[in-house]
Every structure is written in C-alpha cells, then in structure tokens.
Amino acid sequence: WKPSNLCVTSIGDFLVTLYNDDMTQSKIIRYSGSSEKQTIQFDNGGKPLYSVNSKIKYITENRNHDICVADHGASAVVVVNQYGKLRWRQTGHFSGDTKKSFEPYGITTNSQSQILTADCDNHYILILDQNGQFLRYIEDVKNPYSVCVDNLDNLYVAEYLTGNVKVIKYLK
C-alpha cells in the first residue's frame, strides 16, 4: 500500500489515503499515533467507496467529524461519518450546469462544516453544505489546485498554472 494524502483530525488522529501496488484498491486508514485504529474502504454493500486507481484522494475532516474526500479518479466528493459509513457522494453535476465534467482536487471545510473543493479544470471552487447540497461556486480563480480555510474562514487558494496564492473572503 502506498500513501497519497493525509490530514490530522480534531482529536489528533491521522487519516491517510492509500492505494495498493497494482492500483486496484484504495482505502483510508485512521491512525492514533503509530497504531492503526480504523480502515475505511467499502460501503455497506461491499462496494469500494473510492476510485480504484492511483489518482490522489484529497482528504479532510469537518467540524462534525465527517471524513471528506475529493476523489479525483471518481470525479466525486465522498463523505463518510467518523465510523466510516457513507453519508453521501456528490459528482458536481447540478441542474442547468454548463460546466465540464467535475474534476475535484484540493478539499477543505470551514467553521459551518461546509465543504470547499477546488476544480482545477473548470476554474472554480465548489461549496457544498455538510449534507452535500450545492450552495454556490467561487469563480474568480484560475486553475485552483489546493485550498485551505483559516480560523477566520478566509479561503486560501493555490492556483496551479499562475503560481499565485489567493486569499478570498467568501462568507457574508
């Protein structure tokens, strides 16, 4: 198994996304210190939660302890609860949407447990509520690749091609 991304949870655990050597499986492991505490890989029906390839699964945790993954290989945001049970999956296609296929990269959450995902190819940040409902796009970005939110809910966006980092105040 090869790690591809990680984050630290609010209680100090590590969440690590991994894929296997032949790129046929992906999973998340929760570590407490150096001890494996939890594996998240399949839904209740035994189907993989995440795409089975080596494409990076960007990961974060929101305030209600949901594990949020921007699965670039599946073109989806996948959210499971802290016990690893699927809450919802969002492919980014909304009624009247004229954008290209959803291509999530970086992911972060804010103080309201909203989920913000960078879509580099479509030049926007997608904002979803904690239940996966579309809230809006932030479109004043060029090839957003990585995102994070500080304690004041300022959004930091790394733009892949320009090399710029933008700070955006997006909450009213």
N, C-alpha and C. Protein backbone atom coordinates (compact mmCIF):
# COMPACT_ATOMS: atom_id res chain seq x y z
N TRP A 1 0.84 -1.19 0.00
CA TRP A 1 0.00 0.00 0.00
C TRP A 1 0.87 1.24 0.00
N LYS A 2 0.48 2.23 -0.80
CA LYS A 2 1.22 3.48 -0.91
C LYS A 2 0.34 4.64 -0.44
N PRO A 3 0.85 5.47 0.47
CA PRO A 3 0.07 6.64 0.91
C PRO A 3 0.09 7.72 -0.17
N SER A 4 -1.02 8.45 -0.27
CA SER A 4 -1.05 9.54 -1.25
C SER A 4 -1.45 10.88 -0.66
N ASN A 5 -2.14 10.90 0.46
CA ASN A 5 -2.51 12.15 1.09
C ASN A 5 -2.86 11.89 2.54
N LEU A 6 -2.85 12.94 3.35
CA LEU A 6 -3.19 12.75 4.77
C LEU A 6 -3.69 14.05 5.36
N CYS A 7 -4.33 13.91 6.53
CA CYS A 7 -4.72 15.07 7.32
C CYS A 7 -4.72 14.66 8.78
N VAL A 8 -4.72 15.65 9.65
CA VAL A 8 -4.81 15.43 11.09
C VAL A 8 -6.22 15.81 11.52
N THR A 9 -6.86 14.96 12.32
CA THR A 9 -8.23 15.22 12.76
C THR A 9 -8.23 16.14 13.98
N SER A 10 -9.41 16.56 14.38
CA SER A 10 -9.55 17.46 15.52
C SER A 10 -9.12 16.80 16.83
N ILE A 11 -9.11 15.48 16.89
CA ILE A 11 -8.67 14.79 18.11
C ILE A 11 -7.23 14.27 18.01
N GLY A 12 -6.54 14.66 16.92
CA GLY A 12 -5.13 14.32 16.80
C GLY A 12 -4.82 13.02 16.10
N ASP A 13 -5.84 12.33 15.56
CA ASP A 13 -5.59 11.14 14.74
C ASP A 13 -5.10 11.58 13.36
N PHE A 14 -4.49 10.65 12.62
CA PHE A 14 -4.10 10.87 11.24
C PHE A 14 -5.03 10.08 10.34
N LEU A 15 -5.52 10.70 9.28
CA LEU A 15 -6.26 10.00 8.24
C LEU A 15 -5.37 9.96 7.02
N VAL A 16 -5.13 8.77 6.48
CA VAL A 16 -4.23 8.60 5.35
C VAL A 16 -4.97 7.91 4.21
N THR A 17 -4.91 8.48 3.00
CA THR A 17 -5.45 7.80 1.82
C THR A 17 -4.34 6.95 1.22
N LEU A 18 -4.69 5.73 0.79
CA LEU A 18 -3.71 4.80 0.24
C LEU A 18 -4.28 4.08 -0.97
N TYR A 19 -3.40 3.59 -1.83
CA TYR A 19 -3.79 2.69 -2.91
C TYR A 19 -2.78 1.54 -2.94
N ASN A 20 -3.22 0.38 -3.45
CA ASN A 20 -2.33 -0.77 -3.44
C ASN A 20 -1.41 -0.79 -4.66
N ASP A 21 -0.41 -1.68 -4.63
CA ASP A 21 0.64 -1.71 -5.66
C ASP A 21 0.10 -1.88 -7.08
N ASP A 22 -0.94 -2.71 -7.27
CA ASP A 22 -1.44 -2.90 -8.62
C ASP A 22 -2.60 -1.95 -8.96
N MET A 23 -2.82 -0.96 -8.10
CA MET A 23 -3.80 0.11 -8.31
C MET A 23 -5.22 -0.41 -8.54
N THR A 24 -5.59 -1.45 -7.79
CA THR A 24 -6.93 -2.00 -7.90
C THR A 24 -7.77 -1.73 -6.65
N GLN A 25 -7.17 -1.11 -5.63
CA GLN A 25 -7.89 -0.83 -4.40
C GLN A 25 -7.40 0.49 -3.80
N SER A 26 -8.32 1.18 -3.14
CA SER A 26 -8.00 2.39 -2.39
C SER A 26 -8.69 2.30 -1.04
N LYS A 27 -8.10 2.95 -0.04
CA LYS A 27 -8.72 2.95 1.27
C LYS A 27 -8.19 4.12 2.10
N ILE A 28 -8.83 4.33 3.23
CA ILE A 28 -8.38 5.30 4.21
C ILE A 28 -8.09 4.54 5.49
N ILE A 29 -6.98 4.89 6.11
CA ILE A 29 -6.67 4.32 7.42
C ILE A 29 -6.57 5.46 8.42
N ARG A 30 -7.21 5.25 9.58
CA ARG A 30 -7.09 6.19 10.70
C ARG A 30 -6.04 5.63 11.65
N TYR A 31 -5.07 6.48 11.97
CA TYR A 31 -4.02 6.11 12.91
C TYR A 31 -4.15 6.97 14.16
N SER A 32 -3.95 6.35 15.29
CA SER A 32 -3.79 7.05 16.55
C SER A 32 -2.35 6.82 16.95
N GLY A 33 -1.52 7.85 16.83
CA GLY A 33 -0.08 7.65 16.98
C GLY A 33 0.38 6.74 15.86
N SER A 34 1.06 5.67 16.19
CA SER A 34 1.51 4.72 15.15
C SER A 34 0.60 3.50 15.05
N SER A 35 -0.49 3.49 15.80
CA SER A 35 -1.41 2.34 15.79
C SER A 35 -2.55 2.55 14.81
N GLU A 36 -2.80 1.53 13.99
CA GLU A 36 -3.93 1.56 13.08
C GLU A 36 -5.21 1.40 13.90
N LYS A 37 -6.12 2.34 13.73
CA LYS A 37 -7.34 2.37 14.54
C LYS A 37 -8.58 1.99 13.74
N GLN A 38 -8.57 2.31 12.40
CA GLN A 38 -9.77 2.11 11.58
C GLN A 38 -9.37 2.04 10.11
N THR A 39 -10.05 1.17 9.36
CA THR A 39 -9.90 1.12 7.91
C THR A 39 -11.25 1.43 7.28
N ILE A 40 -11.24 2.33 6.30
CA ILE A 40 -12.46 2.71 5.59
C ILE A 40 -12.22 2.41 4.12
N GLN A 41 -12.96 1.44 3.59
CA GLN A 41 -12.72 1.03 2.21
C GLN A 41 -13.99 0.71 1.43
N PHE A 42 -14.98 0.12 2.08
CA PHE A 42 -16.18 -0.36 1.38
C PHE A 42 -17.44 0.23 2.00
N ASP A 43 -18.51 0.32 1.16
CA ASP A 43 -19.80 0.74 1.69
C ASP A 43 -20.51 -0.46 2.30
N ASN A 44 -21.75 -0.28 2.75
CA ASN A 44 -22.49 -1.37 3.39
C ASN A 44 -22.76 -2.54 2.45
N GLY A 45 -22.74 -2.29 1.13
CA GLY A 45 -22.96 -3.34 0.15
C GLY A 45 -21.68 -4.02 -0.31
N GLY A 46 -20.56 -3.65 0.27
CA GLY A 46 -19.28 -4.26 -0.09
C GLY A 46 -18.63 -3.63 -1.33
N LYS A 47 -19.18 -2.53 -1.82
CA LYS A 47 -18.59 -1.85 -2.99
C LYS A 47 -17.56 -0.84 -2.52
N PRO A 48 -16.50 -0.62 -3.32
CA PRO A 48 -15.48 0.37 -2.94
C PRO A 48 -16.08 1.77 -2.79
N LEU A 49 -15.68 2.46 -1.73
CA LEU A 49 -16.11 3.84 -1.52
C LEU A 49 -15.37 4.81 -2.43
N TYR A 50 -14.13 4.45 -2.79
CA TYR A 50 -13.26 5.35 -3.52
C TYR A 50 -12.81 4.70 -4.81
N SER A 51 -12.42 5.54 -5.78
CA SER A 51 -11.96 5.02 -7.06
C SER A 51 -10.76 4.11 -6.85
N VAL A 52 -10.67 3.09 -7.70
CA VAL A 52 -9.60 2.09 -7.56
C VAL A 52 -8.51 2.40 -8.57
N ASN A 53 -7.72 3.42 -8.23
CA ASN A 53 -6.61 3.85 -9.07
C ASN A 53 -5.64 4.63 -8.20
N SER A 54 -4.57 5.10 -8.79
CA SER A 54 -3.55 5.81 -8.02
C SER A 54 -3.78 7.32 -7.98
N LYS A 55 -4.88 7.80 -8.56
CA LYS A 55 -5.13 9.24 -8.52
C LYS A 55 -5.35 9.67 -7.07
N ILE A 56 -4.81 10.81 -6.73
CA ILE A 56 -4.81 11.26 -5.35
C ILE A 56 -6.24 11.48 -4.85
N LYS A 57 -6.46 11.04 -3.63
CA LYS A 57 -7.70 11.32 -2.92
C LYS A 57 -7.35 12.35 -1.86
N TYR A 58 -7.77 13.59 -2.06
CA TYR A 58 -7.51 14.66 -1.11
C TYR A 58 -8.47 14.49 0.06
N ILE A 59 -8.01 14.74 1.28
CA ILE A 59 -8.80 14.37 2.45
C ILE A 59 -8.79 15.46 3.51
N THR A 60 -9.92 15.60 4.21
CA THR A 60 -10.03 16.50 5.34
C THR A 60 -11.16 16.00 6.24
N GLU A 61 -11.29 16.63 7.39
CA GLU A 61 -12.36 16.32 8.32
C GLU A 61 -13.12 17.60 8.61
N ASN A 62 -14.47 17.54 8.69
CA ASN A 62 -15.21 18.75 9.03
C ASN A 62 -15.53 18.77 10.52
N ARG A 63 -16.19 19.82 10.95
CA ARG A 63 -16.43 20.02 12.39
C ARG A 63 -17.32 18.96 13.03
N ASN A 64 -18.16 18.30 12.25
CA ASN A 64 -18.98 17.24 12.83
C ASN A 64 -18.31 15.87 12.66
N HIS A 65 -17.00 15.87 12.40
CA HIS A 65 -16.14 14.69 12.33
C HIS A 65 -16.38 13.81 11.11
N ASP A 66 -17.10 14.32 10.11
CA ASP A 66 -17.22 13.59 8.85
C ASP A 66 -15.87 13.62 8.14
N ILE A 67 -15.56 12.55 7.43
CA ILE A 67 -14.34 12.45 6.64
C ILE A 67 -14.72 12.78 5.20
N CYS A 68 -14.11 13.82 4.65
CA CYS A 68 -14.47 14.34 3.34
C CYS A 68 -13.31 14.10 2.38
N VAL A 69 -13.60 13.46 1.25
CA VAL A 69 -12.57 13.10 0.28
C VAL A 69 -12.94 13.65 -1.08
N ALA A 70 -12.01 14.39 -1.68
CA ALA A 70 -12.13 14.79 -3.08
C ALA A 70 -11.44 13.69 -3.88
N ASP A 71 -12.24 12.84 -4.49
CA ASP A 71 -11.73 11.68 -5.22
C ASP A 71 -11.64 12.04 -6.70
N HIS A 72 -10.45 12.50 -7.09
CA HIS A 72 -10.24 12.95 -8.46
C HIS A 72 -10.52 11.83 -9.47
N GLY A 73 -10.13 10.62 -9.16
CA GLY A 73 -10.32 9.49 -10.07
C GLY A 73 -11.78 9.13 -10.29
N ALA A 74 -12.65 9.45 -9.33
CA ALA A 74 -14.09 9.17 -9.47
C ALA A 74 -14.88 10.42 -9.83
N SER A 75 -14.20 11.57 -9.94
CA SER A 75 -14.87 12.85 -10.19
C SER A 75 -15.99 13.08 -9.18
N ALA A 76 -15.66 12.88 -7.89
CA ALA A 76 -16.68 12.96 -6.85
C ALA A 76 -16.10 13.44 -5.53
N VAL A 77 -16.98 14.01 -4.72
CA VAL A 77 -16.69 14.23 -3.31
C VAL A 77 -17.42 13.12 -2.57
N VAL A 78 -16.69 12.40 -1.72
CA VAL A 78 -17.26 11.28 -0.96
C VAL A 78 -17.14 11.62 0.52
N VAL A 79 -18.27 11.57 1.24
CA VAL A 79 -18.26 11.90 2.66
C VAL A 79 -18.78 10.70 3.45
N VAL A 80 -17.98 10.28 4.42
CA VAL A 80 -18.38 9.23 5.35
C VAL A 80 -18.39 9.82 6.75
N ASN A 81 -19.17 9.22 7.64
CA ASN A 81 -19.15 9.70 9.02
C ASN A 81 -17.90 9.18 9.72
N GLN A 82 -17.71 9.56 10.96
CA GLN A 82 -16.49 9.18 11.69
C GLN A 82 -16.35 7.67 11.87
N TYR A 83 -17.44 6.94 11.67
CA TYR A 83 -17.39 5.48 11.79
C TYR A 83 -17.15 4.79 10.45
N GLY A 84 -17.02 5.61 9.38
CA GLY A 84 -16.71 5.07 8.07
C GLY A 84 -17.93 4.70 7.24
N LYS A 85 -19.12 5.09 7.67
CA LYS A 85 -20.35 4.79 6.93
C LYS A 85 -20.63 5.92 5.95
N LEU A 86 -20.93 5.55 4.71
CA LEU A 86 -21.20 6.53 3.66
C LEU A 86 -22.37 7.43 4.04
N ARG A 87 -22.14 8.75 4.01
CA ARG A 87 -23.22 9.72 4.21
C ARG A 87 -23.77 10.15 2.86
N TRP A 88 -22.86 10.52 1.94
CA TRP A 88 -23.29 10.93 0.61
C TRP A 88 -22.10 11.00 -0.34
N ARG A 89 -22.43 11.03 -1.63
CA ARG A 89 -21.46 11.16 -2.71
C ARG A 89 -22.00 12.20 -3.68
N GLN A 90 -21.15 13.16 -4.06
CA GLN A 90 -21.59 14.24 -4.95
C GLN A 90 -20.66 14.28 -6.17
N THR A 91 -21.27 14.23 -7.35
CA THR A 91 -20.47 14.25 -8.58
C THR A 91 -20.35 15.64 -9.18
N GLY A 92 -20.98 16.64 -8.56
CA GLY A 92 -20.80 18.02 -9.01
C GLY A 92 -21.64 18.42 -10.19
N HIS A 93 -22.59 17.59 -10.60
CA HIS A 93 -23.46 17.97 -11.71
C HIS A 93 -24.78 18.49 -11.14
N PHE A 94 -25.06 19.75 -11.42
CA PHE A 94 -26.24 20.40 -10.87
C PHE A 94 -27.12 20.86 -12.01
N SER A 95 -28.42 20.93 -11.79
CA SER A 95 -29.35 21.28 -12.87
C SER A 95 -28.97 22.63 -13.48
N GLY A 96 -28.96 22.69 -14.79
CA GLY A 96 -28.61 23.90 -15.51
C GLY A 96 -27.12 24.16 -15.58
N ASP A 97 -26.32 23.26 -15.04
CA ASP A 97 -24.86 23.43 -15.02
C ASP A 97 -24.30 23.19 -16.42
N THR A 98 -23.53 24.14 -16.91
CA THR A 98 -22.95 24.00 -18.25
C THR A 98 -21.45 23.72 -18.19
N LYS A 99 -20.95 23.46 -17.01
CA LYS A 99 -19.51 23.24 -16.84
C LYS A 99 -19.11 21.85 -17.33
N LYS A 100 -17.81 21.69 -17.58
CA LYS A 100 -17.28 20.39 -17.97
C LYS A 100 -17.41 19.41 -16.81
N SER A 101 -17.01 18.20 -17.04
CA SER A 101 -17.03 17.17 -16.02
C SER A 101 -16.31 17.64 -14.76
N PHE A 102 -16.88 17.36 -13.60
CA PHE A 102 -16.34 17.73 -12.30
C PHE A 102 -15.01 17.03 -12.06
N GLU A 103 -13.98 17.80 -11.74
CA GLU A 103 -12.63 17.26 -11.52
C GLU A 103 -12.07 17.79 -10.20
N PRO A 104 -12.47 17.21 -9.05
CA PRO A 104 -12.04 17.75 -7.77
C PRO A 104 -10.56 17.48 -7.47
N TYR A 105 -9.93 18.47 -6.89
CA TYR A 105 -8.55 18.34 -6.41
C TYR A 105 -8.56 18.59 -4.91
N GLY A 106 -8.07 19.74 -4.47
CA GLY A 106 -7.99 20.02 -3.04
C GLY A 106 -9.36 20.14 -2.40
N ILE A 107 -9.38 19.91 -1.07
CA ILE A 107 -10.63 19.97 -0.32
C ILE A 107 -10.35 20.53 1.07
N THR A 108 -11.29 21.31 1.57
CA THR A 108 -11.19 21.85 2.92
C THR A 108 -12.61 22.06 3.44
N THR A 109 -12.71 22.35 4.73
CA THR A 109 -14.01 22.65 5.34
C THR A 109 -13.88 23.92 6.17
N ASN A 110 -15.03 24.52 6.47
CA ASN A 110 -15.00 25.76 7.24
C ASN A 110 -15.72 25.59 8.57
N SER A 111 -15.89 26.70 9.29
CA SER A 111 -16.49 26.66 10.63
C SER A 111 -17.96 26.24 10.61
N GLN A 112 -18.61 26.32 9.45
CA GLN A 112 -20.01 25.91 9.31
C GLN A 112 -20.14 24.48 8.78
N SER A 113 -19.03 23.74 8.73
CA SER A 113 -18.96 22.38 8.18
C SER A 113 -19.28 22.33 6.69
N GLN A 114 -19.20 23.49 6.02
CA GLN A 114 -19.34 23.49 4.57
C GLN A 114 -18.06 22.90 3.97
N ILE A 115 -18.20 22.31 2.80
CA ILE A 115 -17.09 21.64 2.14
C ILE A 115 -16.75 22.43 0.88
N LEU A 116 -15.48 22.80 0.75
CA LEU A 116 -15.00 23.58 -0.38
C LEU A 116 -14.00 22.73 -1.14
N THR A 117 -14.25 22.57 -2.44
CA THR A 117 -13.42 21.70 -3.27
C THR A 117 -12.95 22.47 -4.50
N ALA A 118 -11.65 22.39 -4.77
CA ALA A 118 -11.08 23.04 -5.94
C ALA A 118 -11.31 22.18 -7.18
N ASP A 119 -11.78 22.81 -8.25
CA ASP A 119 -11.89 22.14 -9.54
C ASP A 119 -10.97 22.89 -10.50
N CYS A 120 -9.77 22.36 -10.66
CA CYS A 120 -8.71 22.99 -11.44
C CYS A 120 -9.12 23.19 -12.90
N ASP A 121 -9.73 22.19 -13.49
CA ASP A 121 -10.05 22.23 -14.92
C ASP A 121 -11.19 23.19 -15.25
N ASN A 122 -12.12 23.36 -14.31
CA ASN A 122 -13.27 24.25 -14.54
C ASN A 122 -13.09 25.63 -13.94
N HIS A 123 -11.98 25.88 -13.26
CA HIS A 123 -11.65 27.20 -12.72
C HIS A 123 -12.67 27.68 -11.69
N TYR A 124 -13.02 26.83 -10.73
CA TYR A 124 -13.91 27.26 -9.66
C TYR A 124 -13.66 26.47 -8.39
N ILE A 125 -14.21 27.01 -7.30
CA ILE A 125 -14.27 26.31 -6.02
C ILE A 125 -15.74 25.99 -5.81
N LEU A 126 -16.04 24.73 -5.59
CA LEU A 126 -17.41 24.28 -5.33
C LEU A 126 -17.65 24.33 -3.82
N ILE A 127 -18.77 24.90 -3.41
CA ILE A 127 -19.12 24.92 -1.99
C ILE A 127 -20.40 24.11 -1.80
N LEU A 128 -20.31 23.10 -0.93
CA LEU A 128 -21.43 22.23 -0.57
C LEU A 128 -21.70 22.37 0.92
N ASP A 129 -22.95 22.15 1.33
CA ASP A 129 -23.19 22.13 2.77
C ASP A 129 -22.80 20.76 3.32
N GLN A 130 -22.91 20.57 4.61
CA GLN A 130 -22.46 19.31 5.23
C GLN A 130 -23.27 18.10 4.79
N ASN A 131 -24.41 18.32 4.12
CA ASN A 131 -25.23 17.22 3.63
C ASN A 131 -25.10 17.02 2.12
N GLY A 132 -24.15 17.71 1.49
CA GLY A 132 -23.89 17.52 0.07
C GLY A 132 -24.72 18.38 -0.85
N GLN A 133 -25.47 19.32 -0.30
CA GLN A 133 -26.30 20.19 -1.13
C GLN A 133 -25.45 21.34 -1.68
N PHE A 134 -25.63 21.60 -2.97
CA PHE A 134 -24.92 22.67 -3.64
C PHE A 134 -25.29 24.01 -3.03
N LEU A 135 -24.27 24.82 -2.69
CA LEU A 135 -24.52 26.17 -2.21
C LEU A 135 -24.15 27.20 -3.27
N ARG A 136 -22.91 27.12 -3.79
CA ARG A 136 -22.51 28.04 -4.84
C ARG A 136 -21.10 27.71 -5.34
N TYR A 137 -20.70 28.45 -6.37
CA TYR A 137 -19.35 28.39 -6.90
C TYR A 137 -18.62 29.69 -6.55
N ILE A 138 -17.32 29.60 -6.38
CA ILE A 138 -16.45 30.78 -6.39
C ILE A 138 -15.67 30.66 -7.69
N GLU A 139 -15.85 31.64 -8.58
CA GLU A 139 -15.30 31.50 -9.92
C GLU A 139 -14.14 32.45 -10.23
N ASP A 140 -13.73 33.27 -9.32
CA ASP A 140 -12.65 34.24 -9.58
C ASP A 140 -11.28 33.61 -9.30
N VAL A 141 -11.06 32.42 -9.87
CA VAL A 141 -9.80 31.70 -9.68
C VAL A 141 -9.36 31.07 -11.00
N LYS A 142 -8.06 30.85 -11.14
CA LYS A 142 -7.51 30.22 -12.35
C LYS A 142 -6.83 28.92 -11.93
N ASN A 143 -7.32 27.81 -12.41
CA ASN A 143 -6.75 26.50 -12.12
C ASN A 143 -6.50 26.29 -10.63
N PRO A 144 -7.55 26.41 -9.79
CA PRO A 144 -7.36 26.20 -8.35
C PRO A 144 -7.01 24.73 -8.08
N TYR A 145 -5.97 24.52 -7.34
CA TYR A 145 -5.48 23.15 -7.13
C TYR A 145 -5.57 22.74 -5.67
N SER A 146 -5.15 23.62 -4.78
CA SER A 146 -5.15 23.31 -3.37
C SER A 146 -5.87 24.42 -2.62
N VAL A 147 -6.61 24.05 -1.57
CA VAL A 147 -7.38 25.02 -0.80
C VAL A 147 -7.26 24.73 0.69
N CYS A 148 -7.35 25.79 1.48
CA CYS A 148 -7.48 25.62 2.93
C CYS A 148 -8.19 26.85 3.49
N VAL A 149 -8.76 26.69 4.67
CA VAL A 149 -9.50 27.75 5.34
C VAL A 149 -8.86 27.98 6.70
N ASP A 150 -8.66 29.25 7.06
CA ASP A 150 -8.09 29.54 8.38
C ASP A 150 -9.19 29.68 9.43
N ASN A 151 -8.82 30.01 10.65
CA ASN A 151 -9.78 30.10 11.76
C ASN A 151 -10.78 31.24 11.60
N LEU A 152 -10.51 32.19 10.69
CA LEU A 152 -11.44 33.28 10.43
C LEU A 152 -12.27 33.02 9.17
N ASP A 153 -12.19 31.81 8.65
CA ASP A 153 -12.90 31.40 7.44
C ASP A 153 -12.44 32.13 6.19
N ASN A 154 -11.19 32.60 6.17
CA ASN A 154 -10.59 33.09 4.93
C ASN A 154 -10.18 31.87 4.12
N LEU A 155 -10.46 31.91 2.83
CA LEU A 155 -10.13 30.81 1.93
C LEU A 155 -8.81 31.10 1.24
N TYR A 156 -7.85 30.18 1.33
CA TYR A 156 -6.58 30.28 0.64
C TYR A 156 -6.61 29.31 -0.54
N VAL A 157 -6.30 29.83 -1.72
CA VAL A 157 -6.37 29.03 -2.95
C VAL A 157 -5.03 29.08 -3.66
N ALA A 158 -4.43 27.92 -3.90
CA ALA A 158 -3.21 27.84 -4.70
C ALA A 158 -3.62 27.60 -6.14
N GLU A 159 -3.23 28.53 -7.02
CA GLU A 159 -3.54 28.42 -8.44
C GLU A 159 -2.38 27.72 -9.15
N TYR A 160 -2.69 26.61 -9.76
CA TYR A 160 -1.67 25.73 -10.33
C TYR A 160 -0.82 26.39 -11.41
N LEU A 161 -1.42 26.96 -12.42
CA LEU A 161 -0.64 27.48 -13.55
C LEU A 161 -0.04 28.86 -13.30
N THR A 162 -0.72 29.70 -12.50
CA THR A 162 -0.19 31.04 -12.27
C THR A 162 0.87 31.07 -11.18
N GLY A 163 0.84 30.09 -10.29
CA GLY A 163 1.75 30.08 -9.16
C GLY A 163 1.32 31.02 -8.04
N ASN A 164 0.14 31.60 -8.17
CA ASN A 164 -0.37 32.54 -7.17
C ASN A 164 -1.10 31.81 -6.05
N VAL A 165 -1.10 32.45 -4.88
CA VAL A 165 -1.97 32.03 -3.78
C VAL A 165 -2.90 33.20 -3.52
N LYS A 166 -4.20 32.94 -3.63
CA LYS A 166 -5.21 33.98 -3.40
C LYS A 166 -5.82 33.77 -2.02
N VAL A 167 -6.17 34.88 -1.39
CA VAL A 167 -6.94 34.85 -0.14
C VAL A 167 -8.30 35.44 -0.47
N ILE A 168 -9.35 34.67 -0.19
CA ILE A 168 -10.71 35.08 -0.57
C ILE A 168 -11.60 35.10 0.66
N LYS A 169 -12.26 36.22 0.87
CA LYS A 169 -13.30 36.32 1.90
C LYS A 169 -14.61 36.01 1.20
N TYR A 170 -15.17 34.87 1.49
CA TYR A 170 -16.32 34.38 0.72
C TYR A 170 -17.59 34.26 1.54
N LEU A 171 -17.50 34.32 2.87
CA LEU A 171 -18.71 34.26 3.70
C LEU A 171 -19.22 35.66 3.95
N LYS A 172 -20.51 35.79 3.95
CA LYS A 172 -21.13 37.11 4.17
C LYS A 172 -21.51 37.29 5.60
